[in-house]
C-alpha atoms as a PDB file:
ATOM      1  CA  MET A   1     -15.072 -18.337  28.526  1.00  0.00           C
ATOM      2  CA  SER A   2     -17.231 -21.114  26.993  1.00  0.00           C
ATOM      3  CA  HIS A   3     -16.358 -24.745  26.698  1.00  0.00           C
ATOM      4  CA  ILE A   4     -14.193 -26.179  23.811  1.00  0.00           C
ATOM      5  CA  ASN A   5     -16.112 -28.668  21.549  1.00  0.00           C
ATOM      6  CA  GLN A   6     -14.934 -32.251  22.145  1.00  0.00           C
ATOM      7  CA  SER A   7     -14.871 -32.710  18.354  1.00  0.00           C
ATOM      8  CA  PRO A   8     -15.209 -30.729  15.152  1.00  0.00           C
ATOM      9  CA  ASN A   9     -18.775 -29.554  14.496  1.00  0.00           C
ATOM     10  CA  LYS A  10     -19.529 -30.699  10.830  1.00  0.00           C
ATOM     11  CA  ASN A  11     -22.224 -27.902  10.316  1.00  0.00           C
ATOM     12  CA  TRP A  12     -21.438 -26.635   6.835  1.00  0.00           C
ATOM     13  CA  THR A  13     -21.585 -22.836   6.744  1.00  0.00           C
ATOM     14  CA  SER A  14     -21.470 -19.952   4.274  1.00  0.00           C
ATOM     15  CA  LEU A  15     -17.845 -19.063   5.780  1.00  0.00           C
ATOM     16  CA  HIS A  16     -16.979 -23.054   4.681  1.00  0.00           C
ATOM     17  CA  ASP A  17     -18.067 -22.563   1.243  1.00  0.00           C
ATOM     18  CA  GLN A  18     -16.355 -18.875   0.930  1.00  0.00           C
ATOM     19  CA  LEU A  19     -12.912 -20.482   2.099  1.00  0.00           C
ATOM     20  CA  HIS A  20     -13.338 -23.548   0.074  1.00  0.00           C
ATOM     21  CA  LYS A  21     -13.761 -21.222  -2.908  1.00  0.00           C
ATOM     22  CA  THR A  22     -11.348 -18.909  -2.255  1.00  0.00           C
ATOM     23  CA  LEU A  23      -8.672 -21.920  -1.633  1.00  0.00           C
ATOM     24  CA  ARG A  24      -9.618 -23.154  -5.213  1.00  0.00           C
ATOM     25  CA  GLN A  25      -9.484 -20.069  -7.013  1.00  0.00           C
ATOM     26  CA  ARG A  26      -6.166 -18.759  -5.412  1.00  0.00           C
ATOM     27  CA  LYS A  27      -4.397 -22.192  -5.241  1.00  0.00           C
ATOM     28  CA  LEU A  28      -3.272 -21.296  -1.697  1.00  0.00           C
ATOM     29  CA  LEU A  29      -3.145 -24.625  -0.202  1.00  0.00           C
ATOM     30  CA  PRO A  30      -2.269 -27.550  -2.527  1.00  0.00           C
ATOM     31  CA  LYS A  31      -4.093 -30.882  -1.394  1.00  0.00           C
ATOM     32  CA  ASN A  32      -2.205 -33.421   0.742  1.00  0.00           C
ATOM     33  CA  GLN A  33       0.067 -30.903   2.248  1.00  0.00           C
ATOM     34  CA  ARG A  34       1.506 -30.559   5.835  1.00  0.00           C
ATOM     35  CA  ILE A  35      -0.089 -27.450   7.056  1.00  0.00           C
ATOM     36  CA  LEU A  36       1.047 -25.394  10.251  1.00  0.00           C
ATOM     37  CA  ILE A  37      -1.594 -23.070  11.688  1.00  0.00           C
ATOM     38  CA  ALA A  38      -0.402 -20.220  13.978  1.00  0.00           C
ATOM     39  CA  VAL A  39      -3.067 -20.271  16.769  1.00  0.00           C
ATOM     40  CA  SER A  40      -3.039 -17.330  19.091  1.00  0.00           C
ATOM     41  CA  GLY A  41      -6.386 -18.307  20.724  1.00  0.00           C
ATOM     42  CA  GLY A  42      -8.384 -15.605  19.611  1.00  0.00           C
ATOM     43  CA  GLN A  43     -11.474 -15.659  17.476  1.00  0.00           C
ATOM     44  CA  ASP A  44      -9.491 -15.339  14.073  1.00  0.00           C
ATOM     45  CA  SER A  45      -7.330 -18.192  14.398  1.00  0.00           C
ATOM     46  CA  ILE A  46      -9.498 -20.401  16.093  1.00  0.00           C
ATOM     47  CA  SER A  47     -12.005 -19.808  13.219  1.00  0.00           C
ATOM     48  CA  LEU A  48      -9.300 -20.641  10.752  1.00  0.00           C
ATOM     49  CA  THR A  49      -8.592 -23.813  12.593  1.00  0.00           C
ATOM     50  CA  LYS A  50     -12.011 -25.114  12.831  1.00  0.00           C
ATOM     51  CA  LEU A  51     -12.700 -24.192   8.924  1.00  0.00           C
ATOM     52  CA  LEU A  52      -9.365 -26.060   7.931  1.00  0.00           C
ATOM     53  CA  LEU A  53     -10.350 -28.883  10.053  1.00  0.00           C
ATOM     54  CA  ASP A  54     -13.793 -29.252   8.687  1.00  0.00           C
ATOM     55  CA  LEU A  55     -12.152 -28.820   5.033  1.00  0.00           C
ATOM     56  CA  GLN A  56      -9.615 -31.232   5.770  1.00  0.00           C
ATOM     57  CA  SER A  57     -11.520 -34.476   4.414  1.00  0.00           C
ATOM     58  CA  LYS A  58     -11.586 -32.595   0.851  1.00  0.00           C
ATOM     59  CA  TRP A  59      -8.252 -31.533   0.740  1.00  0.00           C
ATOM     60  CA  GLY A  60      -6.143 -34.375   2.287  1.00  0.00           C
ATOM     61  CA  TRP A  61      -4.154 -31.833   4.253  1.00  0.00           C
ATOM     62  CA  TYR A  62      -2.183 -33.129   7.495  1.00  0.00           C
ATOM     63  CA  LEU A  63      -2.659 -30.144  10.002  1.00  0.00           C
ATOM     64  CA  VAL A  64      -0.595 -29.190  13.033  1.00  0.00           C
ATOM     65  CA  ILE A  65      -0.850 -25.963  15.669  1.00  0.00           C
ATOM     66  CA  ALA A  66       1.637 -23.972  16.788  1.00  0.00           C
ATOM     67  CA  HIS A  67       1.488 -21.293  19.518  1.00  0.00           C
ATOM     68  CA  CYS A  68       3.868 -18.702  20.184  1.00  0.00           C
ATOM     69  CA  ASP A  69       4.212 -17.400  23.780  1.00  0.00           C
ATOM     70  CA  HIS A  70       5.595 -14.023  23.718  1.00  0.00           C
ATOM     71  CA  ARG A  71       5.409 -13.691  27.710  1.00  0.00           C
ATOM     72  CA  TRP A  72       3.809 -10.139  27.372  1.00  0.00           C
ATOM     73  CA  ARG A  73       1.063 -10.844  29.557  1.00  0.00           C
ATOM     74  CA  LEU A  74       0.509 -12.444  33.237  1.00  0.00           C
ATOM     75  CA  ASP A  75      -1.921 -15.110  31.807  1.00  0.00           C
ATOM     76  CA  SER A  76       0.248 -16.003  28.782  1.00  0.00           C
ATOM     77  CA  GLU A  77       0.978 -19.412  29.860  1.00  0.00           C
ATOM     78  CA  ALA A  78      -2.594 -20.109  30.581  1.00  0.00           C
ATOM     79  CA  ASN A  79      -3.309 -18.766  27.133  1.00  0.00           C
ATOM     80  CA  ALA A  80      -0.806 -21.545  25.643  1.00  0.00           C
ATOM     81  CA  ASN A  81      -2.466 -24.104  27.878  1.00  0.00           C
ATOM     82  CA  TYR A  82      -5.839 -23.244  26.413  1.00  0.00           C
ATOM     83  CA  VAL A  83      -4.488 -23.583  22.854  1.00  0.00           C
ATOM     84  CA  LYS A  84      -2.862 -26.674  23.944  1.00  0.00           C
ATOM     85  CA  ASN A  85      -6.113 -28.295  25.211  1.00  0.00           C
ATOM     86  CA  LEU A  86      -7.788 -27.086  22.023  1.00  0.00           C
ATOM     87  CA  ALA A  87      -5.519 -29.000  19.891  1.00  0.00           C
ATOM     88  CA  THR A  88      -5.738 -32.201  22.102  1.00  0.00           C
ATOM     89  CA  ASN A  89      -9.582 -32.123  21.662  1.00  0.00           C
ATOM     90  CA  TRP A  90      -9.455 -31.732  18.212  1.00  0.00           C
ATOM     91  CA  GLN A  91      -6.834 -34.230  18.055  1.00  0.00           C
ATOM     92  CA  LEU A  92      -4.295 -32.097  16.079  1.00  0.00           C
ATOM     93  CA  PRO A  93      -0.437 -32.247  17.023  1.00  0.00           C
ATOM     94  CA  PHE A  94       0.683 -29.217  19.125  1.00  0.00           C
ATOM     95  CA  PHE A  95       3.734 -27.318  18.943  1.00  0.00           C
ATOM     96  CA  LEU A  96       4.692 -24.510  21.499  1.00  0.00           C
ATOM     97  CA  GLY A  97       7.380 -21.751  21.169  1.00  0.00           C
ATOM     98  CA  VAL A  98       7.861 -19.561  24.330  1.00  0.00           C
ATOM     99  CA  ALA A  99      10.040 -16.381  24.272  1.00  0.00           C
ATOM    100  CA  ASP A 100      13.499 -16.438  25.922  1.00  0.00           C
ATOM    101  CA  ARG A 101      12.851 -12.850  26.942  1.00  0.00           C
ATOM    102  CA  VAL A 102      10.148 -10.263  26.681  1.00  0.00           C
ATOM    103  CA  TYR A 103      10.507  -8.361  23.543  1.00  0.00           C
ATOM    104  CA  GLN A 104      10.311  -4.510  23.850  1.00  0.00           C
ATOM    105  CA  SER A 105       8.649  -3.582  20.568  1.00  0.00           C
ATOM    106  CA  GLU A 106       6.115  -5.350  18.177  1.00  0.00           C
ATOM    107  CA  ALA A 107       9.028  -5.625  15.492  1.00  0.00           C
ATOM    108  CA  GLU A 108      11.083  -7.601  17.525  1.00  0.00           C
ATOM    109  CA  ALA A 109       8.269  -9.717  18.577  1.00  0.00           C
ATOM    110  CA  ARG A 110       7.227 -10.447  15.214  1.00  0.00           C
ATOM    111  CA  LYS A 111      10.575 -11.326  14.135  1.00  0.00           C
ATOM    112  CA  TRP A 112      10.985 -13.755  17.135  1.00  0.00           C
ATOM    113  CA  ARG A 113       7.578 -15.224  16.270  1.00  0.00           C
ATOM    114  CA  TYR A 114       8.395 -15.863  12.586  1.00  0.00           C
ATOM    115  CA  GLN A 115      11.634 -17.381  13.398  1.00  0.00           C
ATOM    116  CA  THR A 116       9.912 -19.820  15.877  1.00  0.00           C
ATOM    117  CA  LEU A 117       7.373 -20.498  13.429  1.00  0.00           C
ATOM    118  CA  SER A 118      10.006 -21.213  10.814  1.00  0.00           C
ATOM    119  CA  LYS A 119      12.004 -23.819  13.093  1.00  0.00           C
ATOM    120  CA  ILE A 120       8.321 -25.387  14.145  1.00  0.00           C
ATOM    121  CA  ALA A 121       7.727 -25.715  10.217  1.00  0.00           C
ATOM    122  CA  LEU A 122      10.958 -27.515   9.823  1.00  0.00           C
ATOM    123  CA  GLU A 123      10.307 -29.642  12.604  1.00  0.00           C
ATOM    124  CA  SER A 124       7.044 -30.703  11.614  1.00  0.00           C
ATOM    125  CA  ASN A 125       7.811 -31.017   8.015  1.00  0.00           C
ATOM    126  CA  SER A 126       5.439 -28.164   6.954  1.00  0.00           C
ATOM    127  CA  GLN A 127       5.838 -26.144   3.863  1.00  0.00           C
ATOM    128  CA  TYR A 128       2.821 -23.890   4.589  1.00  0.00           C
ATOM    129  CA  ILE A 129       2.265 -21.786   7.439  1.00  0.00           C
ATOM    130  CA  VAL A 130      -1.208 -20.318   7.789  1.00  0.00           C
ATOM    131  CA  THR A 131      -2.456 -17.276  10.063  1.00  0.00           C
ATOM    132  CA  GLY A 132      -5.825 -16.072  10.938  1.00  0.00           C
ATOM    133  CA  HIS A 133      -5.159 -12.442   9.501  1.00  0.00           C
ATOM    134  CA  THR A 134      -8.649 -11.251   8.015  1.00  0.00           C
ATOM    135  CA  ALA A 135      -9.893  -8.605   5.901  1.00  0.00           C
ATOM    136  CA  SER A 136     -10.196  -6.381   9.068  1.00  0.00           C
ATOM    137  CA  ASP A 137      -6.612  -6.558   9.572  1.00  0.00           C
ATOM    138  CA  ARG A 138      -5.933  -5.781   5.965  1.00  0.00           C
ATOM    139  CA  ALA A 139      -8.082  -2.805   6.323  1.00  0.00           C
ATOM    140  CA  GLU A 140      -6.245  -1.624   9.735  1.00  0.00           C
ATOM    141  CA  THR A 141      -2.959  -2.300   7.916  1.00  0.00           C
ATOM    142  CA  LEU A 142      -3.867  -0.052   5.065  1.00  0.00           C
ATOM    143  CA  LEU A 143      -5.198   2.906   7.369  1.00  0.00           C
ATOM    144  CA  TYR A 144      -2.071   2.595   9.753  1.00  0.00           C
ATOM    145  CA  ASN A 145       0.541   2.904   6.788  1.00  0.00           C
ATOM    146  CA  LEU A 146      -1.400   5.445   5.195  1.00  0.00           C
ATOM    147  CA  ILE A 147      -1.511   7.819   8.240  1.00  0.00           C
ATOM    148  CA  ARG A 148       2.430   7.037   8.652  1.00  0.00           C
ATOM    149  CA  GLY A 149       2.839   8.155   5.038  1.00  0.00           C
ATOM    150  CA  SER A 150       3.410   4.881   3.253  1.00  0.00           C
ATOM    151  CA  GLY A 151       3.394   4.502  -0.386  1.00  0.00           C
ATOM    152  CA  THR A 152       1.364   2.029  -2.534  1.00  0.00           C
ATOM    153  CA  ASP A 153       3.505  -0.971  -1.362  1.00  0.00           C
ATOM    154  CA  GLY A 154       2.671  -0.293   2.416  1.00  0.00           C
ATOM    155  CA  LEU A 155      -0.952   0.246   1.585  1.00  0.00           C
ATOM    156  CA  GLN A 156      -1.209  -3.360   0.022  1.00  0.00           C
ATOM    157  CA  ALA A 157       0.407  -4.951   2.647  1.00  0.00           C
ATOM    158  CA  LEU A 158      -0.870  -8.333   3.965  1.00  0.00           C
ATOM    159  CA  THR A 159      -1.065 -10.266   0.973  1.00  0.00           C
ATOM    160  CA  TRP A 160      -2.243 -13.512   0.415  1.00  0.00           C
ATOM    161  CA  GLN A 161       1.010 -15.532   0.435  1.00  0.00           C
ATOM    162  CA  ARG A 162       4.680 -14.596   0.590  1.00  0.00           C
ATOM    163  CA  PRO A 163       8.028 -16.450   1.605  1.00  0.00           C
ATOM    164  CA  LEU A 164       8.124 -16.365   5.694  1.00  0.00           C
ATOM    165  CA  THR A 165      11.277 -14.961   5.562  1.00  0.00           C
ATOM    166  CA  GLU A 166      14.030 -13.841   3.126  1.00  0.00           C
ATOM    167  CA  ASN A 167      14.907 -16.763   0.784  1.00  0.00           C
ATOM    168  CA  SER A 168      12.652 -19.309   2.634  1.00  0.00           C
ATOM    169  CA  SER A 169      11.089 -22.138   0.976  1.00  0.00           C
ATOM    170  CA  ILE A 170       8.476 -21.983   3.644  1.00  0.00           C
ATOM    171  CA  LEU A 171       5.098 -20.021   2.640  1.00  0.00           C
ATOM    172  CA  LEU A 172       3.168 -17.754   4.765  1.00  0.00           C
ATOM    173  CA  ILE A 173      -0.523 -18.268   3.869  1.00  0.00           C
ATOM    174  CA  ARG A 174      -3.328 -15.661   4.808  1.00  0.00           C
ATOM    175  CA  PRO A 175      -6.635 -17.475   3.698  1.00  0.00           C
ATOM    176  CA  LEU A 176      -8.950 -15.181   5.557  1.00  0.00           C
ATOM    177  CA  LEU A 177      -8.325 -11.912   3.848  1.00  0.00           C
ATOM    178  CA  GLU A 178     -11.997 -11.896   2.501  1.00  0.00           C
ATOM    179  CA  ILE A 179     -13.498 -12.610   5.804  1.00  0.00           C
ATOM    180  CA  THR A 180     -14.100  -9.740   8.494  1.00  0.00           C
ATOM    181  CA  ARG A 181     -13.469  -9.996  12.205  1.00  0.00           C
ATOM    182  CA  SER A 182     -17.384  -9.800  12.657  1.00  0.00           C
ATOM    183  CA  GLN A 183     -17.584 -12.932  10.733  1.00  0.00           C
ATOM    184  CA  THR A 184     -15.288 -14.955  12.806  1.00  0.00           C
ATOM    185  CA  GLY A 185     -16.791 -13.788  16.040  1.00  0.00           C
ATOM    186  CA  ASN A 186     -20.241 -14.816  14.736  1.00  0.00           C
ATOM    187  CA  PHE A 187     -18.796 -18.106  13.278  1.00  0.00           C
ATOM    188  CA  CYS A 188     -17.509 -19.100  16.996  1.00  0.00           C
ATOM    189  CA  GLN A 189     -20.411 -18.092  18.467  1.00  0.00           C
ATOM    190  CA  GLU A 190     -22.773 -20.376  16.176  1.00  0.00           C
ATOM    191  CA  GLN A 191     -20.181 -23.117  16.523  1.00  0.00           C
ATOM    192  CA  LYS A 192     -19.936 -22.735  20.228  1.00  0.00           C
ATOM    193  CA  ILE A 193     -16.240 -22.633  20.510  1.00  0.00           C
ATOM    194  CA  GLY A 194     -14.819 -20.799  23.115  1.00  0.00           C
ATOM    195  CA  ILE A 195     -11.884 -18.040  22.465  1.00  0.00           C
ATOM    196  CA  TRP A 196      -9.201 -16.609  24.448  1.00  0.00           C
ATOM    197  CA  GLU A 197      -9.744 -12.928  25.127  1.00  0.00           C
ATOM    198  CA  ASP A 198      -6.536 -11.145  24.857  1.00  0.00           C
ATOM    199  CA  SER A 199      -6.701  -8.113  27.260  1.00  0.00           C
ATOM    200  CA  THR A 200      -3.936  -6.172  25.328  1.00  0.00           C
ATOM    201  CA  ASN A 201      -6.710  -5.923  22.432  1.00  0.00           C
ATOM    202  CA  GLN A 202      -8.326  -3.359  24.313  1.00  0.00           C
ATOM    203  CA  ASP A 203      -5.183  -1.283  25.256  1.00  0.00           C
ATOM    204  CA  LEU A 204      -5.708   2.160  23.621  1.00  0.00           C
ATOM    205  CA  ARG A 205      -1.902   2.832  23.985  1.00  0.00           C
ATOM    206  CA  TYR A 206      -1.490   0.724  20.837  1.00  0.00           C
ATOM    207  CA  ALA A 207      -2.116   2.488  17.365  1.00  0.00           C
ATOM    208  CA  ARG A 208      -3.913  -0.427  15.861  1.00  0.00           C
ATOM    209  CA  ASN A 209      -6.248  -0.778  18.740  1.00  0.00           C
ATOM    210  CA  ARG A 210      -7.248   2.771  18.560  1.00  0.00           C
ATOM    211  CA  ILE A 211      -8.038   2.266  14.866  1.00  0.00           C
ATOM    212  CA  ARG A 212     -10.003  -0.664  15.453  1.00  0.00           C
ATOM    213  CA  LEU A 213     -11.986   0.558  18.401  1.00  0.00           C
ATOM    214  CA  GLU A 214     -12.285   4.399  17.704  1.00  0.00           C
ATOM    215  CA  LEU A 215     -11.668   4.817  14.090  1.00  0.00           C
ATOM    216  CA  PHE A 216     -13.510   1.924  12.372  1.00  0.00           C
ATOM    217  CA  PRO A 217     -16.714   2.635  14.297  1.00  0.00           C
ATOM    218  CA  MET A 218     -16.877   6.490  12.813  1.00  0.00           C
ATOM    219  CA  LEU A 219     -15.725   4.950   9.282  1.00  0.00           C
ATOM    220  CA  ARG A 220     -18.783   2.637   9.466  1.00  0.00           C
ATOM    221  CA  GLN A 221     -21.222   5.679  10.021  1.00  0.00           C
ATOM    222  CA  PHE A 222     -20.075   6.449   6.240  1.00  0.00           C
ATOM    223  CA  ASN A 223     -20.039   2.995   4.940  1.00  0.00           C
ATOM    224  CA  PRO A 224     -21.272  -0.088   6.960  1.00  0.00           C
ATOM    225  CA  GLN A 225     -19.073  -2.023   4.724  1.00  0.00           C
ATOM    226  CA  ALA A 226     -15.543   0.024   5.626  1.00  0.00           C
ATOM    227  CA  GLU A 227     -13.456  -2.702   6.366  1.00  0.00           C
ATOM    228  CA  LEU A 228     -14.259  -4.878   3.291  1.00  0.00           C
ATOM    229  CA  ALA A 229     -14.050  -1.837   1.100  1.00  0.00           C
ATOM    230  CA  LEU A 230     -10.741  -0.956   2.350  1.00  0.00           C
ATOM    231  CA  ALA A 231      -9.494  -4.576   2.203  1.00  0.00           C
ATOM    232  CA  GLN A 232     -10.862  -4.475  -1.514  1.00  0.00           C
ATOM    233  CA  THR A 233      -8.586  -1.444  -2.006  1.00  0.00           C
ATOM    234  CA  ALA A 234      -5.739  -3.211  -0.519  1.00  0.00           C
ATOM    235  CA  GLU A 235      -6.418  -6.059  -2.958  1.00  0.00           C
ATOM    236  CA  ILE A 236      -6.334  -3.862  -6.001  1.00  0.00           C
ATOM    237  CA  LEU A 237      -3.041  -2.213  -5.013  1.00  0.00           C
ATOM    238  CA  SER A 238      -1.578  -5.428  -4.418  1.00  0.00           C
ATOM    239  CA  ALA A 239      -2.073  -6.596  -8.211  1.00  0.00           C
ATOM    240  CA  GLU A 240      -0.544  -2.982  -9.197  1.00  0.00           C
ATOM    241  CA  VAL A 241       2.297  -3.152  -7.068  1.00  0.00           C
ATOM    242  CA  ASP A 242       3.016  -6.601  -8.422  1.00  0.00           C
ATOM    243  CA  TYR A 243       3.079  -5.094 -12.034  1.00  0.00           C
ATOM    244  CA  LEU A 244       4.966  -1.949 -11.186  1.00  0.00           C
ATOM    245  CA  GLU A 245       7.591  -4.188  -9.364  1.00  0.00           C
ATOM    246  CA  ASN A 246       7.955  -6.508 -12.329  1.00  0.00           C
ATOM    247  CA  GLU A 247       8.541  -3.271 -14.637  1.00  0.00           C
ATOM    248  CA  THR A 248      11.017  -1.862 -12.111  1.00  0.00           C
ATOM    249  CA  GLU A 249      13.128  -4.909 -12.093  1.00  0.00           C
ATOM    250  CA  LYS A 250      13.572  -4.603 -15.764  1.00  0.00           C
ATOM    251  CA  LEU A 251      14.219  -1.184 -15.895  1.00  0.00           C
ATOM    252  CA  LEU A 252      16.583  -1.152 -12.916  1.00  0.00           C
ATOM    253  CA  GLU A 253      19.284  -3.200 -15.094  1.00  0.00           C
ATOM    254  CA  LYS A 254      19.019  -0.826 -18.029  1.00  0.00           C
ATOM    255  CA  VAL A 255      19.322   2.057 -15.756  1.00  0.00           C
ATOM    256  CA  THR A 256      22.343   0.856 -13.774  1.00  0.00           C
ATOM    257  CA  LYS A 257      24.321  -0.462 -16.810  1.00  0.00           C
ATOM    258  CA  ILE A 258      27.442   1.571 -17.187  1.00  0.00           C
ATOM    259  CA  ASP A 259      30.881   1.542 -19.168  1.00  0.00           C
ATOM    260  CA  ILE A 260      33.273   2.189 -16.234  1.00  0.00           C
ATOM    261  CA  ASP A 261      36.285   3.009 -18.606  1.00  0.00           C
ATOM    262  CA  ASN A 262      34.842   6.185 -19.802  1.00  0.00           C
ATOM    263  CA  LEU A 263      34.000   7.460 -16.350  1.00  0.00           C
ATOM    264  CA  ASN A 264      36.106   9.973 -14.290  1.00  0.00           C
ATOM    265  CA  ILE A 265      35.609   9.816 -10.684  1.00  0.00           C
ATOM    266  CA  SER A 266      38.956  10.206  -9.159  1.00  0.00           C
ATOM    267  CA  GLU A 267      37.708  13.025  -6.950  1.00  0.00           C
ATOM    268  CA  PHE A 268      35.534  10.556  -4.955  1.00  0.00           C
ATOM    269  CA  GLU A 269      38.113   7.701  -4.767  1.00  0.00           C
ATOM    270  CA  SER A 270      37.391   7.279  -1.308  1.00  0.00           C
ATOM    271  CA  GLN A 271      33.948   6.463  -1.679  1.00  0.00           C
ATOM    272  CA  GLN A 272      31.748   4.042  -3.742  1.00  0.00           C
ATOM    273  CA  VAL A 273      29.624   5.327  -6.500  1.00  0.00           C
ATOM    274  CA  GLN A 274      26.372   3.940  -7.942  1.00  0.00           C
ATOM    275  CA  TYR A 275      25.571   5.260 -11.480  1.00  0.00           C
ATOM    276  CA  ILE A 276      22.089   5.842 -12.493  1.00  0.00           C
ATOM    277  CA  ASN A 277      21.446   6.577 -16.155  1.00  0.00           C
ATOM    278  CA  ARG A 278      18.869   9.398 -16.225  1.00  0.00           C
ATOM    279  CA  LEU A 279      18.406   9.402 -20.155  1.00  0.00           C
ATOM    280  CA  VAL A 280      16.787   5.877 -19.750  1.00  0.00           C
ATOM    281  CA  LEU A 281      14.780   7.270 -16.621  1.00  0.00           C
ATOM    282  CA  ARG A 282      13.564  10.186 -18.910  1.00  0.00           C
ATOM    283  CA  GLU A 283      11.513   7.818 -20.924  1.00  0.00           C
ATOM    284  CA  VAL A 284       9.533   6.225 -18.392  1.00  0.00           C
ATOM    285  CA  PRO A 285       6.712   7.508 -15.811  1.00  0.00           C
ATOM    286  CA  LEU A 286       7.213   9.121 -12.822  1.00  0.00           C
ATOM    287  CA  ALA A 287       5.895   6.123 -11.021  1.00  0.00           C
ATOM    288  CA  LEU A 288       8.586   3.914 -12.343  1.00  0.00           C
ATOM    289  CA  GLN A 289      11.484   6.927 -11.747  1.00  0.00           C
ATOM    290  CA  ARG A 290      10.793   6.879  -8.264  1.00  0.00           C
ATOM    291  CA  ARG A 291      10.518   2.962  -7.977  1.00  0.00           C
ATOM    292  CA  VAL A 292      14.012   2.731  -9.509  1.00  0.00           C
ATOM    293  CA  ILE A 293      15.462   5.474  -7.352  1.00  0.00           C
ATOM    294  CA  ARG A 294      13.995   3.917  -4.301  1.00  0.00           C
ATOM    295  CA  ARG A 295      15.488   0.390  -5.130  1.00  0.00           C
ATOM    296  CA  ILE A 296      18.721   2.034  -5.444  1.00  0.00           C
ATOM    297  CA  LEU A 297      18.914   4.152  -2.381  1.00  0.00           C
ATOM    298  CA  GLN A 298      17.642   0.881  -0.233  1.00  0.00           C
ATOM    299  CA  LYS A 299      20.808  -0.808  -1.318  1.00  0.00           C
ATOM    300  CA  VAL A 300      22.964   2.090  -0.205  1.00  0.00           C
ATOM    301  CA  LEU A 301      21.368   3.913   2.425  1.00  0.00           C
ATOM    302  CA  PRO A 302      21.794   2.986   6.109  1.00  0.00           C
ATOM    303  CA  ILE A 303      17.949   3.521   6.813  1.00  0.00           C
ATOM    304  CA  HIS A 304      15.011   2.981   4.620  1.00  0.00           C
ATOM    305  CA  PRO A 305      14.678   5.848   2.070  1.00  0.00           C
ATOM    306  CA  ASN A 306      11.664   8.152   2.509  1.00  0.00           C
ATOM    307  CA  PHE A 307       9.652  10.378   0.221  1.00  0.00           C
ATOM    308  CA  SER A 308      12.032  13.029   0.703  1.00  0.00           C
ATOM    309  CA  HIS A 309      15.163  11.132  -0.027  1.00  0.00           C
ATOM    310  CA  ILE A 310      13.725   9.784  -3.069  1.00  0.00           C
ATOM    311  CA  GLU A 311      12.432  13.193  -4.465  1.00  0.00           C
ATOM    312  CA  LYS A 312      15.939  14.493  -3.957  1.00  0.00           C
ATOM    313  CA  LEU A 313      17.217  12.046  -6.598  1.00  0.00           C
ATOM    314  CA  THR A 314      14.238  12.015  -9.120  1.00  0.00           C
ATOM    315  CA  ASN A 315      14.609  15.799  -9.079  1.00  0.00           C
ATOM    316  CA  LEU A 316      18.223  15.252 -10.709  1.00  0.00           C
ATOM    317  CA  ILE A 317      16.890  13.415 -13.698  1.00  0.00           C
ATOM    318  CA  ASP A 318      15.883  16.660 -15.454  1.00  0.00           C
ATOM    319  CA  ALA A 319      18.318  19.069 -13.644  1.00  0.00           C
ATOM    320  CA  PRO A 320      21.262  21.056 -15.284  1.00  0.00           C
ATOM    321  CA  ASN A 321      24.415  19.205 -15.189  1.00  0.00           C
ATOM    322  CA  ARG A 322      26.693  19.342 -12.153  1.00  0.00           C
ATOM    323  CA  SER A 323      23.610  19.745 -10.008  1.00  0.00           C
ATOM    324  CA  GLN A 324      23.936  17.988  -6.695  1.00  0.00           C
ATOM    325  CA  THR A 325      21.734  17.238  -3.624  1.00  0.00           C
ATOM    326  CA  ASP A 326      22.810  18.003  -0.094  1.00  0.00           C
ATOM    327  CA  PRO A 327      23.677  14.582   1.933  1.00  0.00           C
ATOM    328  CA  VAL A 328      21.124  12.203   2.656  1.00  0.00           C
ATOM    329  CA  PRO A 329      21.464   9.521   5.552  1.00  0.00           C
ATOM    330  CA  GLY A 330      24.965   8.143   5.766  1.00  0.00           C
ATOM    331  CA  GLY A 331      26.441  11.127   4.213  1.00  0.00           C
ATOM    332  CA  ALA A 332      25.530   9.932   0.332  1.00  0.00           C
ATOM    333  CA  ILE A 333      25.829  12.881  -2.108  1.00  0.00           C
ATOM    334  CA  ALA A 334      24.095  12.836  -5.532  1.00  0.00           C
ATOM    335  CA  LYS A 335      25.324  14.768  -8.639  1.00  0.00           C
ATOM    336  CA  VAL A 336      24.697  15.207 -12.301  1.00  0.00           C
ATOM    337  CA  GLN A 337      27.518  14.128 -14.480  1.00  0.00           C
ATOM    338  CA  HIS A 338      25.538  13.747 -17.663  1.00  0.00           C
ATOM    339  CA  PRO A 339      24.108  11.694 -18.805  1.00  0.00           C
ATOM    340  CA  TRP A 340      24.492  10.212 -15.480  1.00  0.00           C
ATOM    341  CA  ILE A 341      23.309  10.727 -11.805  1.00  0.00           C
ATOM    342  CA  LEU A 342      26.232   9.719  -9.818  1.00  0.00           C
ATOM    343  CA  LEU A 343      25.396   8.722  -6.296  1.00  0.00           C
ATOM    344  CA  PHE A 344      28.406   8.712  -3.737  1.00  0.00           C
ATOM    345  CA  TYR A 345      28.284   6.878  -0.569  1.00  0.00           C
ATOM    346  CA  THR A 346      30.492   5.212   1.923  1.00  0.00           C
ATOM    347  CA  GLY A 347      29.346   1.561   1.790  1.00  0.00           C
ATOM    348  CA  ASN A 348      28.913   1.630   5.633  1.00  0.00           C
ATOM    349  CA  ARG A 349      25.093   0.682   6.078  1.00  0.00           C
ATOM    350  CA  GLU A 350      25.512  -0.134   9.817  1.00  0.00           C
END
């Protein structure tokens, strides 16, 4: 492990130019804001910290470092101390969050991490949290979700910015999504900045590690810039998903607008019912039909609806009157009572 620089190196590089340009074009981090940098100690988050520190004089930011110790590894405390020393050497305030227990899944750990970062952001009065996710991470996420059968929403995951949590005013920003992991590695070497090597990054039991260590080398044989190409695909999908979601939101209101007095559903009094106007749905493309159906199912099913669940209801748009589906999770059943699709469910999503 190499020695940490005692002060930020002012050598300007192409990465500085690239990030400066990205921030201006995308308006990700306004001037004179308080910014919390989530730093693991790896090359991506260290590169991000160094780049933002070097750009600080141009933007007038107040920078803060936060580290989350999941207690997954025997060296996690040493890892946290390394990041703390880095913050001290670069004269940045440091905040540490330590997990109260060892979380068994990445999903649980991520939830804890975001909750912890949210608390630190409030404590440090920071409206923006930045992470070192790169184009390589974006490409990995696209492939991982593609293999799992995700739709376009999953393929465009890792967007430039989003609320940290639902209804949160704190924004999660990912400024490095056009920069690859090899670029951040080279940057740390050129700047002579030490990084903390996470041993779990080499553990092939994790699917993402297998994608990075085994699948990407094969993909580079077809395209040396495979990671960037996949990341650019995710960027294209992101804009298309935004458009489709806006259209879905407008359509959803039309599809679910009803005249309750003219409906007879006495045979299902013990259940709740969602009304879906199939005449409205017939007038729109299949892509929007599926999105509207998915949004409706998300509200009533106890699990996230999959392709099969969505198709069952989509097929009822043009089905004969009185057609119905077999039960979907939670016992929900959909049947045609023209011009409606009636979705009956228990209302229990637990």
